[in-house]
Amino acid sequence: MTRVGFLLQVRPDRLDEYRARHEAVWPDMLDALRRHGWHNYSLFLRPDGLLFGYVEVPGTFDEALAGMADEDVNARWQAEMAPFFAGRGSAADTMMEQLEEVFHLD
């Protein structure tokens, strides 16, 4: 199992709507994430829009992203969510800045 931390930047003017969208993630999107082995997936949001994500995946993060890239629901979700993010690119799953794990208690 690979533990992954990543950063994204949500536009500060879209924070409330971003939160609301994640209170009602589409069931078929949740199914796709589970199908591709995404476990303990969590998102944490600072008031300035800095988003920290954490997920555990069975292989590499690149493999987990590639599996989701093959899902039609992911393309639809990414298109819906793209306006919420600042930075390069248009889809969050192409802009995730993966962090290096330097410590894990276990």
C-alpha atoms as a PDB file:
ATOM      1  CA  MET A   1       0.000   0.000   0.000  1.00  0.00           C
ATOM      2  CA  THR A   2       1.368   3.415  -0.967  1.00  0.00           C
ATOM      3  CA  ARG A   3       0.500   6.441   1.165  1.00  0.00           C
ATOM      4  CA  VAL A   4       0.214   9.657  -0.832  1.00  0.00           C
ATOM      5  CA  GLY A   5      -0.084  13.271   0.254  1.00  0.00           C
ATOM      6  CA  PHE A   6      -0.732  15.978  -2.294  1.00  0.00           C
ATOM      7  CA  LEU A   7      -1.483  19.699  -2.546  1.00  0.00           C
ATOM      8  CA  LEU A   8      -3.838  21.724  -4.704  1.00  0.00           C
ATOM      9  CA  GLN A   9      -5.043  25.316  -4.558  1.00  0.00           C
ATOM     10  CA  VAL A  10      -8.782  25.976  -4.504  1.00  0.00           C
ATOM     11  CA  ARG A  11      -9.796  29.459  -5.561  1.00  0.00           C
ATOM     12  CA  PRO A  12     -10.693  31.355  -2.368  1.00  0.00           C
ATOM     13  CA  ASP A  13     -13.886  32.735  -3.908  1.00  0.00           C
ATOM     14  CA  ARG A  14     -15.138  29.157  -4.509  1.00  0.00           C
ATOM     15  CA  LEU A  15     -14.482  27.566  -1.104  1.00  0.00           C
ATOM     16  CA  ASP A  16     -18.096  27.297   0.064  1.00  0.00           C
ATOM     17  CA  GLU A  17     -19.252  25.703  -3.163  1.00  0.00           C
ATOM     18  CA  TYR A  18     -16.229  23.378  -3.204  1.00  0.00           C
ATOM     19  CA  ARG A  19     -17.181  22.147   0.266  1.00  0.00           C
ATOM     20  CA  ALA A  20     -20.807  21.693  -0.793  1.00  0.00           C
ATOM     21  CA  ARG A  21     -19.812  19.639  -3.841  1.00  0.00           C
ATOM     22  CA  HIS A  22     -17.865  17.267  -1.615  1.00  0.00           C
ATOM     23  CA  GLU A  23     -20.848  16.751   0.665  1.00  0.00           C
ATOM     24  CA  ALA A  24     -22.571  15.151  -2.340  1.00  0.00           C
ATOM     25  CA  VAL A  25     -19.923  13.342  -4.404  1.00  0.00           C
ATOM     26  CA  TRP A  26     -21.628  11.339  -7.147  1.00  0.00           C
ATOM     27  CA  PRO A  27     -22.122   7.674  -6.168  1.00  0.00           C
ATOM     28  CA  ASP A  28     -20.620   6.478  -9.470  1.00  0.00           C
ATOM     29  CA  MET A  29     -17.505   8.581  -8.784  1.00  0.00           C
ATOM     30  CA  LEU A  30     -17.171   7.013  -5.337  1.00  0.00           C
ATOM     31  CA  ASP A  31     -17.582   3.558  -6.904  1.00  0.00           C
ATOM     32  CA  ALA A  32     -14.843   4.308  -9.459  1.00  0.00           C
ATOM     33  CA  LEU A  33     -12.435   5.449  -6.741  1.00  0.00           C
ATOM     34  CA  ARG A  34     -13.064   2.272  -4.761  1.00  0.00           C
ATOM     35  CA  ARG A  35     -12.757   0.117  -7.899  1.00  0.00           C
ATOM     36  CA  HIS A  36      -9.259   1.520  -8.483  1.00  0.00           C
ATOM     37  CA  GLY A  37      -8.163   0.900  -4.905  1.00  0.00           C
ATOM     38  CA  TRP A  38      -8.382   4.393  -3.416  1.00  0.00           C
ATOM     39  CA  HIS A  39      -8.556   3.909   0.390  1.00  0.00           C
ATOM     40  CA  ASN A  40      -8.591   6.359   3.295  1.00  0.00           C
ATOM     41  CA  TYR A  41      -9.026   9.193   0.801  1.00  0.00           C
ATOM     42  CA  SER A  42      -9.356  12.491   2.664  1.00  0.00           C
ATOM     43  CA  LEU A  43      -9.257  16.157   1.720  1.00  0.00           C
ATOM     44  CA  PHE A  44      -8.343  18.964   4.137  1.00  0.00           C
ATOM     45  CA  LEU A  45      -8.959  22.622   3.244  1.00  0.00           C
ATOM     46  CA  ARG A  46      -7.383  25.747   4.709  1.00  0.00           C
ATOM     47  CA  PRO A  47      -9.313  29.052   4.738  1.00  0.00           C
ATOM     48  CA  ASP A  48      -6.968  30.451   2.055  1.00  0.00           C
ATOM     49  CA  GLY A  49      -7.831  27.569  -0.294  1.00  0.00           C
ATOM     50  CA  LEU A  50      -4.775  25.378   0.201  1.00  0.00           C
ATOM     51  CA  LEU A  51      -6.019  21.811  -0.135  1.00  0.00           C
ATOM     52  CA  PHE A  52      -4.139  18.846   1.296  1.00  0.00           C
ATOM     53  CA  GLY A  53      -5.192  15.410   0.111  1.00  0.00           C
ATOM     54  CA  TYR A  54      -4.282  12.025   1.512  1.00  0.00           C
ATOM     55  CA  VAL A  55      -4.951   8.637  -0.040  1.00  0.00           C
ATOM     56  CA  GLU A  56      -3.674   5.082   0.177  1.00  0.00           C
ATOM     57  CA  VAL A  57      -3.440   3.093  -3.056  1.00  0.00           C
ATOM     58  CA  PRO A  58      -2.364  -0.492  -3.792  1.00  0.00           C
ATOM     59  CA  GLY A  59       0.320   0.375  -6.375  1.00  0.00           C
ATOM     60  CA  THR A  60       1.842   3.701  -7.304  1.00  0.00           C
ATOM     61  CA  PHE A  61      -0.027   6.983  -7.313  1.00  0.00           C
ATOM     62  CA  ASP A  62       0.558   7.222 -11.066  1.00  0.00           C
ATOM     63  CA  GLU A  63      -1.174   3.843 -11.498  1.00  0.00           C
ATOM     64  CA  ALA A  64      -4.095   4.995  -9.338  1.00  0.00           C
ATOM     65  CA  LEU A  65      -4.445   8.174 -11.405  1.00  0.00           C
ATOM     66  CA  ALA A  66      -4.188   6.223 -14.657  1.00  0.00           C
ATOM     67  CA  GLY A  67      -6.968   3.878 -13.554  1.00  0.00           C
ATOM     68  CA  MET A  68      -9.219   6.819 -12.826  1.00  0.00           C
ATOM     69  CA  ALA A  69      -8.297   8.440 -16.149  1.00  0.00           C
ATOM     70  CA  ASP A  70      -9.986   5.491 -17.875  1.00  0.00           C
ATOM     71  CA  GLU A  71     -13.276   6.206 -16.085  1.00  0.00           C
ATOM     72  CA  ASP A  72     -15.867   8.307 -17.919  1.00  0.00           C
ATOM     73  CA  VAL A  73     -17.274   9.517 -14.595  1.00  0.00           C
ATOM     74  CA  ASN A  74     -13.857  10.886 -13.654  1.00  0.00           C
ATOM     75  CA  ALA A  75     -13.695  12.952 -16.846  1.00  0.00           C
ATOM     76  CA  ARG A  76     -17.136  14.388 -16.058  1.00  0.00           C
ATOM     77  CA  TRP A  77     -16.222  15.087 -12.410  1.00  0.00           C
ATOM     78  CA  GLN A  78     -12.916  16.739 -13.347  1.00  0.00           C
ATOM     79  CA  ALA A  79     -14.669  18.958 -15.904  1.00  0.00           C
ATOM     80  CA  GLU A  80     -17.244  20.014 -13.294  1.00  0.00           C
ATOM     81  CA  MET A  81     -14.571  20.747 -10.685  1.00  0.00           C
ATOM     82  CA  ALA A  82     -11.934  22.442 -12.895  1.00  0.00           C
ATOM     83  CA  PRO A  83     -13.245  25.994 -12.296  1.00  0.00           C
ATOM     84  CA  PHE A  84     -12.618  25.616  -8.570  1.00  0.00           C
ATOM     85  CA  PHE A  85      -8.841  25.339  -8.906  1.00  0.00           C
ATOM     86  CA  ALA A  86      -6.134  27.941  -9.384  1.00  0.00           C
ATOM     87  CA  GLY A  87      -2.976  27.135 -11.272  1.00  0.00           C
ATOM     88  CA  ARG A  88      -1.839  25.380 -14.392  1.00  0.00           C
ATOM     89  CA  GLY A  89      -4.004  22.946 -16.284  1.00  0.00           C
ATOM     90  CA  SER A  90      -7.695  22.428 -16.028  1.00  0.00           C
ATOM     91  CA  ALA A  91      -8.281  19.225 -14.091  1.00  0.00           C
ATOM     92  CA  ALA A  92      -7.265  18.717 -10.477  1.00  0.00           C
ATOM     93  CA  ASP A  93      -5.994  15.215 -11.158  1.00  0.00           C
ATOM     94  CA  THR A  94      -3.370  16.676 -13.526  1.00  0.00           C
ATOM     95  CA  MET A  95      -2.292  19.447 -11.115  1.00  0.00           C
ATOM     96  CA  MET A  96      -1.783  17.470  -7.898  1.00  0.00           C
ATOM     97  CA  GLU A  97       1.578  18.267  -6.351  1.00  0.00           C
ATOM     98  CA  GLN A  98       2.630  15.003  -4.725  1.00  0.00           C
ATOM     99  CA  LEU A  99       4.518  15.377  -1.460  1.00  0.00           C
ATOM    100  CA  GLU A 100       7.446  13.251  -0.323  1.00  0.00           C
ATOM    101  CA  GLU A 101       6.691  11.137   2.727  1.00  0.00           C
ATOM    102  CA  VAL A 102       9.468  11.661   5.261  1.00  0.00           C
ATOM    103  CA  PHE A 103       7.984   9.953   8.326  1.00  0.00           C
ATOM    104  CA  HIS A 104       5.299   7.425   9.191  1.00  0.00           C
ATOM    105  CA  LEU A 105       4.638   6.130  12.692  1.00  0.00           C
ATOM    106  CA  ASP A 106       4.263   2.376  12.522  1.00  0.00           C
END
